[in-house]
Amino acid sequence: MHIGMITPAPPRSLSGNRASATRWAGFLREAGHRVTIATDYDGAEYDLLIALHAWRSAEAVKRFDALYPEKPLIVALTGTDLYRFIHSHPDTTLRSIELADRLVVLHDLAWLAIPEMFRDKIEVICQSALPLKRRLPPAKRSFDICVAGHLREEKDPLRAAYAVRNLPQSSRIRIIHYGKAHNAAWAQKARDEMARNSRYKWLGERPHWQVRQAYAHCLAMVLSSVMEGGANVISEATVAGLPVIASDIAGSIGLLGRDYAGYYPVENTEALQACLLRAEAEPGFLQQLRQQGDIQAKRFTPARESAAWQRLVESSKDLVVVHRMC
């Protein structure tokens, strides 16, 4: 099949949307399909269109459906689709959901955010990650905890920094933050935080291999988001054997499980600080998180993600045959 894949993230972007589209395209090409990735839809006649983001790719979804109503259409829903735009821009977002033949979501609880009439379209495909080649020795003078996420509102990106502002002098905790600032205001906030908080270091946007190095030598990761569609950094951390401390949002619970021990109430600085101090003081707590992560990591293999996409596309191919026969 010739598959069109629409993502709002431009080429060479290090955003999660672009990384997802590139990885999915790789899986489908390995299965023998031809895949064209674009940021918008130009009217080309694809056998199948995959649109990443119901709201941002809404015009592409609408145009493809109008030009080729007999062709299958898959919409992959992001965190902002599920937890923001479905409320702030319901007409546009729900129109894409309605037009889609299948809805791809990235965690087990995403269905809770989707109107019941569309839930039979849902396919859960967890994002995968590659294991590390080896662990690196941790820093000797500090207890390094990484944050891997861009600085924008949805990520609550400075929560870990706030949580380490007033730690006891005896604590060795340090936050190492990788991620691009969404705008100049966020960049200034991060710089201001570094100026007042010696335990926080923002490194900005870095190549993925450098982030993986952080996974290899840090002792835990914080995911402080207020909304996530199924963060790939959870897959990466668990596959790397890195314990995750996460806000208790549906997007994280849907990947790590309801019984995971590393949650704290979203936007609660004091609760996060308590988790971080416990991680530093109690090796058994980190070991518990690592073991629970290991169980979930079995869901996040490239082979499993690739097989799920291939099954979805093969089932869509049958739809094309049916449509053409009609």
C-alpha atoms as a PDB file:
ATOM      1  CA  MET A   1       0.000   0.000   0.000  1.00  0.00           C
ATOM      2  CA  HIS A   2       0.977   3.632  -0.455  1.00  0.00           C
ATOM      3  CA  ILE A   3       0.331   5.213   2.946  1.00  0.00           C
ATOM      4  CA  GLY A   4       0.202   8.926   3.648  1.00  0.00           C
ATOM      5  CA  MET A   5       1.184   9.991   7.160  1.00  0.00           C
ATOM      6  CA  ILE A   6       0.370  13.505   8.352  1.00  0.00           C
ATOM      7  CA  THR A   7       2.086  15.029  11.377  1.00  0.00           C
ATOM      8  CA  PRO A   8       2.136  18.715  12.338  1.00  0.00           C
ATOM      9  CA  ALA A   9       5.781  18.423  13.417  1.00  0.00           C
ATOM     10  CA  PRO A  10       8.232  19.487  10.673  1.00  0.00           C
ATOM     11  CA  PRO A  11      11.207  17.426   9.410  1.00  0.00           C
ATOM     12  CA  ARG A  12      14.214  17.327  11.754  1.00  0.00           C
ATOM     13  CA  SER A  13      11.996  18.307  14.666  1.00  0.00           C
ATOM     14  CA  LEU A  14      12.849  16.517  17.917  1.00  0.00           C
ATOM     15  CA  SER A  15       9.217  16.633  19.066  1.00  0.00           C
ATOM     16  CA  GLY A  16       7.421  13.505  20.171  1.00  0.00           C
ATOM     17  CA  ASN A  17       4.942  13.753  17.290  1.00  0.00           C
ATOM     18  CA  ARG A  18       7.704  13.665  14.681  1.00  0.00           C
ATOM     19  CA  ALA A  19       9.521  10.842  16.449  1.00  0.00           C
ATOM     20  CA  SER A  20       6.312   8.811  16.553  1.00  0.00           C
ATOM     21  CA  ALA A  21       5.552   9.381  12.884  1.00  0.00           C
ATOM     22  CA  THR A  22       9.100   8.455  11.867  1.00  0.00           C
ATOM     23  CA  ARG A  23       9.072   5.281  13.947  1.00  0.00           C
ATOM     24  CA  TRP A  24       5.638   4.196  12.676  1.00  0.00           C
ATOM     25  CA  ALA A  25       6.685   4.841   9.089  1.00  0.00           C
ATOM     26  CA  GLY A  26       9.769   2.687   9.653  1.00  0.00           C
ATOM     27  CA  PHE A  27       7.669  -0.221  10.868  1.00  0.00           C
ATOM     28  CA  LEU A  28       5.329   0.019   7.880  1.00  0.00           C
ATOM     29  CA  ARG A  29       8.184   0.291   5.379  1.00  0.00           C
ATOM     30  CA  GLU A  30       9.763  -2.816   6.874  1.00  0.00           C
ATOM     31  CA  ALA A  31       6.443  -4.555   6.164  1.00  0.00           C
ATOM     32  CA  GLY A  32       6.698  -3.583   2.490  1.00  0.00           C
ATOM     33  CA  HIS A  33       4.505  -0.496   2.359  1.00  0.00           C
ATOM     34  CA  ARG A  34       5.442   2.840   0.809  1.00  0.00           C
ATOM     35  CA  VAL A  35       5.026   5.694   3.308  1.00  0.00           C
ATOM     36  CA  THR A  36       5.047   9.436   2.633  1.00  0.00           C
ATOM     37  CA  ILE A  37       5.333  11.687   5.681  1.00  0.00           C
ATOM     38  CA  ALA A  38       4.087  15.259   5.348  1.00  0.00           C
ATOM     39  CA  THR A  39       3.017  18.135   7.570  1.00  0.00           C
ATOM     40  CA  ASP A  40      -0.141  18.726   5.525  1.00  0.00           C
ATOM     41  CA  TYR A  41      -2.244  16.887   2.978  1.00  0.00           C
ATOM     42  CA  ASP A  42      -1.837  17.966  -0.660  1.00  0.00           C
ATOM     43  CA  GLY A  43      -4.656  15.907  -2.179  1.00  0.00           C
ATOM     44  CA  ALA A  44      -2.548  12.899  -3.170  1.00  0.00           C
ATOM     45  CA  GLU A  45      -4.391   9.589  -3.654  1.00  0.00           C
ATOM     46  CA  TYR A  46      -3.059   7.307  -0.956  1.00  0.00           C
ATOM     47  CA  ASP A  47      -4.408   3.840  -0.253  1.00  0.00           C
ATOM     48  CA  LEU A  48      -4.597   4.818   3.416  1.00  0.00           C
ATOM     49  CA  LEU A  49      -4.097   8.025   5.391  1.00  0.00           C
ATOM     50  CA  ILE A  50      -2.766   8.117   8.948  1.00  0.00           C
ATOM     51  CA  ALA A  51      -3.217  11.514  10.607  1.00  0.00           C
ATOM     52  CA  LEU A  52      -1.390  12.198  13.827  1.00  0.00           C
ATOM     53  CA  HIS A  53      -3.412  14.695  15.902  1.00  0.00           C
ATOM     54  CA  ALA A  54      -7.171  15.049  15.516  1.00  0.00           C
ATOM     55  CA  TRP A  55      -7.216  18.819  15.963  1.00  0.00           C
ATOM     56  CA  ARG A  56      -3.960  19.982  14.358  1.00  0.00           C
ATOM     57  CA  SER A  57      -4.421  17.669  11.369  1.00  0.00           C
ATOM     58  CA  ALA A  58      -8.166  18.317  11.092  1.00  0.00           C
ATOM     59  CA  GLU A  59      -8.014  19.985   7.669  1.00  0.00           C
ATOM     60  CA  ALA A  60      -6.016  17.068   6.258  1.00  0.00           C
ATOM     61  CA  VAL A  61      -8.532  14.593   7.677  1.00  0.00           C
ATOM     62  CA  LYS A  62     -11.474  16.550   6.279  1.00  0.00           C
ATOM     63  CA  ARG A  63      -9.943  16.945   2.811  1.00  0.00           C
ATOM     64  CA  PHE A  64      -8.875  13.307   2.463  1.00  0.00           C
ATOM     65  CA  ASP A  65     -12.341  12.125   3.459  1.00  0.00           C
ATOM     66  CA  ALA A  66     -13.947  14.506   0.955  1.00  0.00           C
ATOM     67  CA  LEU A  67     -11.680  13.444  -1.925  1.00  0.00           C
ATOM     68  CA  TYR A  68     -11.499   9.706  -1.188  1.00  0.00           C
ATOM     69  CA  PRO A  69     -14.413   8.684   1.041  1.00  0.00           C
ATOM     70  CA  GLU A  70     -13.878   5.056   0.080  1.00  0.00           C
ATOM     71  CA  LYS A  71     -10.303   5.034   1.413  1.00  0.00           C
ATOM     72  CA  PRO A  72      -9.548   4.077   5.024  1.00  0.00           C
ATOM     73  CA  LEU A  73      -8.536   6.818   7.438  1.00  0.00           C
ATOM     74  CA  ILE A  74      -6.712   6.344  10.760  1.00  0.00           C
ATOM     75  CA  VAL A  75      -6.409   9.160  13.302  1.00  0.00           C
ATOM     76  CA  ALA A  76      -3.851   8.909  16.116  1.00  0.00           C
ATOM     77  CA  LEU A  77      -4.989  10.861  19.162  1.00  0.00           C
ATOM     78  CA  THR A  78      -2.478  12.872  21.189  1.00  0.00           C
ATOM     79  CA  GLY A  79      -2.683  13.988  24.783  1.00  0.00           C
ATOM     80  CA  THR A  80      -3.838  17.477  23.829  1.00  0.00           C
ATOM     81  CA  ASP A  81      -6.551  15.949  21.631  1.00  0.00           C
ATOM     82  CA  LEU A  82      -7.854  13.811  24.484  1.00  0.00           C
ATOM     83  CA  TYR A  83      -7.524  16.210  27.369  1.00  0.00           C
ATOM     84  CA  ARG A  84      -7.647  19.717  25.882  1.00  0.00           C
ATOM     85  CA  PHE A  85      -8.927  20.162  22.334  1.00  0.00           C
ATOM     86  CA  ILE A  86     -11.814  17.742  22.712  1.00  0.00           C
ATOM     87  CA  HIS A  87     -13.132  20.311  25.219  1.00  0.00           C
ATOM     88  CA  SER A  88     -11.754  23.636  23.909  1.00  0.00           C
ATOM     89  CA  HIS A  89     -12.327  22.874  20.185  1.00  0.00           C
ATOM     90  CA  PRO A  90     -14.938  20.104  20.286  1.00  0.00           C
ATOM     91  CA  ASP A  91     -16.460  20.631  16.837  1.00  0.00           C
ATOM     92  CA  THR A  92     -13.128  20.292  15.004  1.00  0.00           C
ATOM     93  CA  THR A  93     -11.677  17.538  17.166  1.00  0.00           C
ATOM     94  CA  LEU A  94     -14.817  15.407  17.260  1.00  0.00           C
ATOM     95  CA  ARG A  95     -15.261  15.814  13.499  1.00  0.00           C
ATOM     96  CA  SER A  96     -11.866  14.167  12.936  1.00  0.00           C
ATOM     97  CA  ILE A  97     -12.784  11.421  15.391  1.00  0.00           C
ATOM     98  CA  GLU A  98     -16.093  10.887  13.602  1.00  0.00           C
ATOM     99  CA  LEU A  99     -14.497  10.691  10.135  1.00  0.00           C
ATOM    100  CA  ALA A 100     -11.807   8.224  11.224  1.00  0.00           C
ATOM    101  CA  ASP A 101     -12.277   4.526  10.532  1.00  0.00           C
ATOM    102  CA  ARG A 102      -9.868   3.696  13.363  1.00  0.00           C
ATOM    103  CA  LEU A 103      -8.584   5.695  16.342  1.00  0.00           C
ATOM    104  CA  VAL A 104      -5.095   4.919  17.608  1.00  0.00           C
ATOM    105  CA  VAL A 105      -4.465   5.729  21.267  1.00  0.00           C
ATOM    106  CA  LEU A 106      -1.263   5.185  23.204  1.00  0.00           C
ATOM    107  CA  HIS A 107      -2.379   4.077  26.657  1.00  0.00           C
ATOM    108  CA  ASP A 108      -5.001   1.820  28.224  1.00  0.00           C
ATOM    109  CA  LEU A 109      -7.164   4.528  29.833  1.00  0.00           C
ATOM    110  CA  ALA A 110      -7.505   6.815  26.803  1.00  0.00           C
ATOM    111  CA  TRP A 111     -10.976   5.433  26.092  1.00  0.00           C
ATOM    112  CA  LEU A 112     -12.282   7.286  29.150  1.00  0.00           C
ATOM    113  CA  ALA A 113     -11.788  10.605  27.320  1.00  0.00           C
ATOM    114  CA  ILE A 114     -13.541   9.499  24.106  1.00  0.00           C
ATOM    115  CA  PRO A 115     -17.321   9.694  23.655  1.00  0.00           C
ATOM    116  CA  GLU A 116     -18.903   6.259  23.966  1.00  0.00           C
ATOM    117  CA  MET A 117     -20.285   6.295  20.422  1.00  0.00           C
ATOM    118  CA  PHE A 118     -16.722   6.256  19.006  1.00  0.00           C
ATOM    119  CA  ARG A 119     -15.076   3.749  21.352  1.00  0.00           C
ATOM    120  CA  ASP A 120     -15.515   0.790  19.007  1.00  0.00           C
ATOM    121  CA  LYS A 121     -12.940   2.432  16.712  1.00  0.00           C
ATOM    122  CA  ILE A 122     -10.170   2.427  19.346  1.00  0.00           C
ATOM    123  CA  GLU A 123      -6.890   0.560  18.893  1.00  0.00           C
ATOM    124  CA  VAL A 124      -4.376   0.784  21.769  1.00  0.00           C
ATOM    125  CA  ILE A 125      -0.798   0.734  20.467  1.00  0.00           C
ATOM    126  CA  CYS A 126       1.824   1.470  23.113  1.00  0.00           C
ATOM    127  CA  GLN A 127       4.958   3.239  21.953  1.00  0.00           C
ATOM    128  CA  SER A 128       8.167   1.246  22.079  1.00  0.00           C
ATOM    129  CA  ALA A 129      11.774   1.899  23.004  1.00  0.00           C
ATOM    130  CA  LEU A 130      15.138   0.232  22.543  1.00  0.00           C
ATOM    131  CA  PRO A 131      17.031  -1.087  25.573  1.00  0.00           C
ATOM    132  CA  LEU A 132      20.295   0.505  26.613  1.00  0.00           C
ATOM    133  CA  LYS A 133      23.503  -1.249  25.635  1.00  0.00           C
ATOM    134  CA  ARG A 134      24.745  -0.806  29.197  1.00  0.00           C
ATOM    135  CA  ARG A 135      24.168   1.136  32.381  1.00  0.00           C
ATOM    136  CA  LEU A 136      26.674   3.837  33.293  1.00  0.00           C
ATOM    137  CA  PRO A 137      27.946   4.457  36.833  1.00  0.00           C
ATOM    138  CA  PRO A 138      25.956   7.157  38.665  1.00  0.00           C
ATOM    139  CA  ALA A 139      27.546  10.414  39.753  1.00  0.00           C
ATOM    140  CA  LYS A 140      29.478  10.085  43.019  1.00  0.00           C
ATOM    141  CA  ARG A 141      28.721  13.489  44.514  1.00  0.00           C
ATOM    142  CA  SER A 142      25.082  13.864  43.495  1.00  0.00           C
ATOM    143  CA  PHE A 143      21.871  11.844  43.280  1.00  0.00           C
ATOM    144  CA  ASP A 144      20.900  12.692  39.706  1.00  0.00           C
ATOM    145  CA  ILE A 145      17.284  12.590  38.597  1.00  0.00           C
ATOM    146  CA  CYS A 146      16.413  13.437  35.002  1.00  0.00           C
ATOM    147  CA  VAL A 147      13.457  15.208  33.434  1.00  0.00           C
ATOM    148  CA  ALA A 148      12.995  14.581  29.703  1.00  0.00           C
ATOM    149  CA  GLY A 149      10.326  16.900  28.354  1.00  0.00           C
ATOM    150  CA  HIS A 150       9.895  20.186  26.555  1.00  0.00           C
ATOM    151  CA  LEU A 151       9.092  23.306  28.540  1.00  0.00           C
ATOM    152  CA  ARG A 152       5.431  23.982  27.874  1.00  0.00           C
ATOM    153  CA  GLU A 153       2.298  24.211  29.959  1.00  0.00           C
ATOM    154  CA  GLU A 154       1.097  20.624  29.486  1.00  0.00           C
ATOM    155  CA  LYS A 155       4.324  19.240  30.923  1.00  0.00           C
ATOM    156  CA  ASP A 156       4.337  21.263  34.190  1.00  0.00           C
ATOM    157  CA  PRO A 157       8.057  21.267  33.391  1.00  0.00           C
ATOM    158  CA  LEU A 158       9.520  23.013  36.441  1.00  0.00           C
ATOM    159  CA  ARG A 159       7.680  20.992  39.083  1.00  0.00           C
ATOM    160  CA  ALA A 160      10.727  18.833  39.833  1.00  0.00           C
ATOM    161  CA  ALA A 161      12.834  21.976  40.162  1.00  0.00           C
ATOM    162  CA  TYR A 162      10.349  23.462  42.617  1.00  0.00           C
ATOM    163  CA  ALA A 163      10.387  20.222  44.598  1.00  0.00           C
ATOM    164  CA  VAL A 164      14.150  20.442  45.245  1.00  0.00           C
ATOM    165  CA  ARG A 165      14.362  24.128  46.167  1.00  0.00           C
ATOM    166  CA  ASN A 166      14.302  23.633  49.941  1.00  0.00           C
ATOM    167  CA  LEU A 167      15.736  20.190  50.475  1.00  0.00           C
ATOM    168  CA  PRO A 168      17.836  19.438  53.553  1.00  0.00           C
ATOM    169  CA  GLN A 169      21.464  20.354  53.079  1.00  0.00           C
ATOM    170  CA  SER A 170      22.367  16.696  53.516  1.00  0.00           C
ATOM    171  CA  SER A 171      20.441  15.709  50.372  1.00  0.00           C
ATOM    172  CA  ARG A 172      22.471  15.080  47.214  1.00  0.00           C
ATOM    173  CA  ILE A 173      19.485  15.279  44.829  1.00  0.00           C
ATOM    174  CA  ARG A 174      20.017  17.158  41.578  1.00  0.00           C
ATOM    175  CA  ILE A 175      17.537  17.607  38.685  1.00  0.00           C
ATOM    176  CA  ILE A 176      18.942  17.404  35.144  1.00  0.00           C
ATOM    177  CA  HIS A 177      16.382  18.662  32.614  1.00  0.00           C
ATOM    178  CA  TYR A 178      16.474  17.933  28.872  1.00  0.00           C
ATOM    179  CA  GLY A 179      13.940  19.673  26.644  1.00  0.00           C
ATOM    180  CA  LYS A 180      13.284  22.583  24.313  1.00  0.00           C
ATOM    181  CA  ALA A 181      11.583  25.708  25.626  1.00  0.00           C
ATOM    182  CA  HIS A 182       8.241  26.278  23.892  1.00  0.00           C
ATOM    183  CA  ASN A 183       8.910  30.016  23.800  1.00  0.00           C
ATOM    184  CA  ALA A 184      11.212  32.702  25.175  1.00  0.00           C
ATOM    185  CA  ALA A 185       9.154  33.056  28.348  1.00  0.00           C
ATOM    186  CA  TRP A 186       9.675  29.399  29.261  1.00  0.00           C
ATOM    187  CA  ALA A 187      13.385  29.645  28.518  1.00  0.00           C
ATOM    188  CA  GLN A 188      13.651  32.628  30.849  1.00  0.00           C
ATOM    189  CA  LYS A 189      11.764  30.780  33.579  1.00  0.00           C
ATOM    190  CA  ALA A 190      14.244  27.918  33.357  1.00  0.00           C
ATOM    191  CA  ARG A 191      17.222  30.278  33.464  1.00  0.00           C
ATOM    192  CA  ASP A 192      15.742  32.133  36.417  1.00  0.00           C
ATOM    193  CA  GLU A 193      15.209  28.838  38.211  1.00  0.00           C
ATOM    194  CA  MET A 194      18.827  27.819  37.664  1.00  0.00           C
ATOM    195  CA  ALA A 195      19.977  31.166  39.045  1.00  0.00           C
ATOM    196  CA  ARG A 196      18.103  30.651  42.306  1.00  0.00           C
ATOM    197  CA  ASN A 197      18.220  26.857  42.558  1.00  0.00           C
ATOM    198  CA  SER A 198      21.622  25.175  42.543  1.00  0.00           C
ATOM    199  CA  ARG A 199      19.997  21.739  42.412  1.00  0.00           C
ATOM    200  CA  TYR A 200      18.383  22.366  38.991  1.00  0.00           C
ATOM    201  CA  LYS A 201      20.203  22.266  35.647  1.00  0.00           C
ATOM    202  CA  TRP A 202      18.406  22.856  32.344  1.00  0.00           C
ATOM    203  CA  LEU A 203      20.359  21.632  29.310  1.00  0.00           C
ATOM    204  CA  GLY A 204      17.814  22.562  26.628  1.00  0.00           C
ATOM    205  CA  GLU A 205      17.029  20.451  23.584  1.00  0.00           C
ATOM    206  CA  ARG A 206      19.632  17.739  23.061  1.00  0.00           C
ATOM    207  CA  PRO A 207      20.023  14.858  20.603  1.00  0.00           C
ATOM    208  CA  HIS A 208      18.229  11.702  21.627  1.00  0.00           C
ATOM    209  CA  TRP A 209      21.478   9.819  22.230  1.00  0.00           C
ATOM    210  CA  GLN A 210      22.388  12.315  24.950  1.00  0.00           C
ATOM    211  CA  VAL A 211      19.021  11.811  26.630  1.00  0.00           C
ATOM    212  CA  ARG A 212      19.621   8.062  26.518  1.00  0.00           C
ATOM    213  CA  GLN A 213      22.946   8.656  28.247  1.00  0.00           C
ATOM    214  CA  ALA A 214      21.007  10.353  31.023  1.00  0.00           C
ATOM    215  CA  TYR A 215      18.784   7.293  31.299  1.00  0.00           C
ATOM    216  CA  ALA A 216      21.949   5.222  31.640  1.00  0.00           C
ATOM    217  CA  HIS A 217      23.487   7.094  34.567  1.00  0.00           C
ATOM    218  CA  CYS A 218      20.604   8.815  36.376  1.00  0.00           C
ATOM    219  CA  LEU A 219      18.906   7.084  39.303  1.00  0.00           C
ATOM    220  CA  ALA A 220      15.298   8.024  38.480  1.00  0.00           C
ATOM    221  CA  MET A 221      13.167  10.091  36.110  1.00  0.00           C
ATOM    222  CA  VAL A 222      10.347  12.521  36.882  1.00  0.00           C
ATOM    223  CA  LEU A 223       7.374  12.900  34.534  1.00  0.00           C
ATOM    224  CA  SER A 224       5.370  15.796  35.962  1.00  0.00           C
ATOM    225  CA  SER A 225       2.859  16.370  33.142  1.00  0.00           C
ATOM    226  CA  VAL A 226      -0.712  17.528  33.670  1.00  0.00           C
ATOM    227  CA  MET A 227      -1.753  15.714  30.481  1.00  0.00           C
ATOM    228  CA  GLU A 228      -0.177  13.008  28.320  1.00  0.00           C
ATOM    229  CA  GLY A 229      -1.505  10.859  25.530  1.00  0.00           C
ATOM    230  CA  GLY A 230       0.938   8.084  26.436  1.00  0.00           C
ATOM    231  CA  ALA A 231       4.431   9.508  26.912  1.00  0.00           C
ATOM    232  CA  ASN A 232       7.183   7.664  25.065  1.00  0.00           C
ATOM    233  CA  VAL A 233       9.625   8.705  27.807  1.00  0.00           C
ATOM    234  CA  ILE A 234       7.834   6.228  30.095  1.00  0.00           C
ATOM    235  CA  SER A 235       8.528   3.462  27.579  1.00  0.00           C
ATOM    236  CA  GLU A 236      12.139   4.589  27.252  1.00  0.00           C
ATOM    237  CA  ALA A 237      12.714   4.805  30.989  1.00  0.00           C
ATOM    238  CA  THR A 238      11.158   1.455  31.878  1.00  0.00           C
ATOM    239  CA  VAL A 239      12.962  -0.349  29.071  1.00  0.00           C
ATOM    240  CA  ALA A 240      16.195   1.294  30.307  1.00  0.00           C
ATOM    241  CA  GLY A 241      15.549   0.041  33.844  1.00  0.00           C
ATOM    242  CA  LEU A 242      15.141   3.611  35.103  1.00  0.00           C
ATOM    243  CA  PRO A 243      12.545   4.099  37.882  1.00  0.00           C
ATOM    244  CA  VAL A 244       9.834   6.636  37.041  1.00  0.00           C
ATOM    245  CA  ILE A 245       8.186   9.058  39.462  1.00  0.00           C
ATOM    246  CA  ALA A 246       5.076  10.371  37.734  1.00  0.00           C
ATOM    247  CA  SER A 247       2.078  12.601  38.319  1.00  0.00           C
ATOM    248  CA  ASP A 248      -1.088  10.570  38.738  1.00  0.00           C
ATOM    249  CA  ILE A 249      -2.683  11.399  35.385  1.00  0.00           C
ATOM    250  CA  ALA A 250      -4.562   8.916  33.203  1.00  0.00           C
ATOM    251  CA  GLY A 251      -1.856   8.955  30.519  1.00  0.00           C
ATOM    252  CA  SER A 252       0.756   7.659  32.966  1.00  0.00           C
ATOM    253  CA  ILE A 253      -1.503   5.293  34.889  1.00  0.00           C
ATOM    254  CA  GLY A 254      -2.580   3.822  31.542  1.00  0.00           C
ATOM    255  CA  LEU A 255       1.044   2.787  30.895  1.00  0.00           C
ATOM    256  CA  LEU A 256       2.415   1.982  34.355  1.00  0.00           C
ATOM    257  CA  GLY A 257      -0.709   0.446  35.878  1.00  0.00           C
ATOM    258  CA  ARG A 258      -3.006   1.425  38.719  1.00  0.00           C
ATOM    259  CA  ASP A 259      -0.879  -0.326  41.360  1.00  0.00           C
ATOM    260  CA  TYR A 260       2.380   1.407  40.456  1.00  0.00           C
ATOM    261  CA  ALA A 261       4.022   2.856  43.581  1.00  0.00           C
ATOM    262  CA  GLY A 262       5.664   5.925  42.041  1.00  0.00           C
ATOM    263  CA  TYR A 263       2.768   8.351  41.606  1.00  0.00           C
ATOM    264  CA  TYR A 264       2.232  11.692  43.289  1.00  0.00           C
ATOM    265  CA  PRO A 265      -0.794  14.046  43.007  1.00  0.00           C
ATOM    266  CA  VAL A 266      -0.488  16.209  39.902  1.00  0.00           C
ATOM    267  CA  GLU A 267       1.013  19.695  40.495  1.00  0.00           C
ATOM    268  CA  ASN A 268       1.663  18.858  44.163  1.00  0.00           C
ATOM    269  CA  THR A 269       5.181  20.079  44.907  1.00  0.00           C
ATOM    270  CA  GLU A 270       5.286  18.805  48.489  1.00  0.00           C
ATOM    271  CA  ALA A 271       4.190  15.306  47.503  1.00  0.00           C
ATOM    272  CA  LEU A 272       6.779  15.149  44.732  1.00  0.00           C
ATOM    273  CA  GLN A 273       9.467  16.327  47.121  1.00  0.00           C
ATOM    274  CA  ALA A 274       8.509  13.526  49.517  1.00  0.00           C
ATOM    275  CA  CYS A 275       8.805  10.981  46.691  1.00  0.00           C
ATOM    276  CA  LEU A 276      12.236  12.281  45.709  1.00  0.00           C
ATOM    277  CA  LEU A 277      13.537  12.184  49.276  1.00  0.00           C
ATOM    278  CA  ARG A 278      12.181   8.670  49.679  1.00  0.00           C
ATOM    279  CA  ALA A 279      13.916   7.608  46.472  1.00  0.00           C
ATOM    280  CA  GLU A 280      17.202   8.954  47.829  1.00  0.00           C
ATOM    281  CA  ALA A 281      16.806   7.490  51.307  1.00  0.00           C
ATOM    282  CA  GLU A 282      15.245   4.107  50.533  1.00  0.00           C
ATOM    283  CA  PRO A 283      16.998   1.907  47.950  1.00  0.00           C
ATOM    284  CA  GLY A 284      14.151  -0.561  48.337  1.00  0.00           C
ATOM    285  CA  PHE A 285      11.670   2.019  47.016  1.00  0.00           C
ATOM    286  CA  LEU A 286      13.677   2.520  43.834  1.00  0.00           C
ATOM    287  CA  GLN A 287      14.027  -1.224  43.468  1.00  0.00           C
ATOM    288  CA  GLN A 288      10.249  -1.619  43.777  1.00  0.00           C
ATOM    289  CA  LEU A 289       9.692   0.969  41.044  1.00  0.00           C
ATOM    290  CA  ARG A 290      12.284  -0.687  38.840  1.00  0.00           C
ATOM    291  CA  GLN A 291      10.667  -4.105  39.241  1.00  0.00           C
ATOM    292  CA  GLN A 292       7.210  -2.739  38.497  1.00  0.00           C
ATOM    293  CA  GLY A 293       8.631  -0.952  35.464  1.00  0.00           C
ATOM    294  CA  ASP A 294      10.259  -4.161  34.254  1.00  0.00           C
ATOM    295  CA  ILE A 295       6.849  -5.834  34.147  1.00  0.00           C
ATOM    296  CA  GLN A 296       5.386  -3.068  31.996  1.00  0.00           C
ATOM    297  CA  ALA A 297       8.489  -2.834  29.790  1.00  0.00           C
ATOM    298  CA  LYS A 298       7.491  -6.104  28.127  1.00  0.00           C
ATOM    299  CA  ARG A 299       4.650  -4.156  26.456  1.00  0.00           C
ATOM    300  CA  PHE A 300       7.020  -1.560  25.001  1.00  0.00           C
ATOM    301  CA  THR A 301       9.133  -3.607  22.579  1.00  0.00           C
ATOM    302  CA  PRO A 302       9.571  -2.521  18.928  1.00  0.00           C
ATOM    303  CA  ALA A 303       8.436  -5.966  17.778  1.00  0.00           C
ATOM    304  CA  ARG A 304       5.143  -5.595  19.619  1.00  0.00           C
ATOM    305  CA  GLU A 305       4.518  -2.051  18.373  1.00  0.00           C
ATOM    306  CA  SER A 306       5.446  -2.997  14.809  1.00  0.00           C
ATOM    307  CA  ALA A 307       3.144  -6.026  14.827  1.00  0.00           C
ATOM    308  CA  ALA A 308       0.260  -3.906  16.126  1.00  0.00           C
ATOM    309  CA  TRP A 309       0.659  -1.362  13.320  1.00  0.00           C
ATOM    310  CA  GLN A 310       0.953  -4.085  10.707  1.00  0.00           C
ATOM    311  CA  ARG A 311      -2.240  -5.765  11.947  1.00  0.00           C
ATOM    312  CA  LEU A 312      -4.064  -2.432  11.892  1.00  0.00           C
ATOM    313  CA  VAL A 313      -2.956  -1.632   8.350  1.00  0.00           C
ATOM    314  CA  GLU A 314      -3.769  -5.138   7.128  1.00  0.00           C
ATOM    315  CA  SER A 315      -7.285  -4.840   8.514  1.00  0.00           C
ATOM    316  CA  SER A 316      -7.596  -1.469   6.779  1.00  0.00           C
ATOM    317  CA  LYS A 317      -6.517  -3.073   3.511  1.00  0.00           C
ATOM    318  CA  ASP A 318      -9.550  -5.333   3.769  1.00  0.00           C
ATOM    319  CA  LEU A 319     -11.691  -2.230   4.124  1.00  0.00           C
ATOM    320  CA  VAL A 320     -10.271  -0.911   0.843  1.00  0.00           C
ATOM    321  CA  VAL A 321     -11.170  -4.154  -0.925  1.00  0.00           C
ATOM    322  CA  VAL A 322     -14.723  -4.019   0.436  1.00  0.00           C
ATOM    323  CA  HIS A 323     -15.107  -0.379  -0.553  1.00  0.00           C
ATOM    324  CA  ARG A 324     -13.870  -1.002  -4.097  1.00  0.00           C
ATOM    325  CA  MET A 325     -16.186  -3.996  -4.521  1.00  0.00           C
ATOM    326  CA  CYS A 326     -19.131  -1.792  -3.486  1.00  0.00           C
END
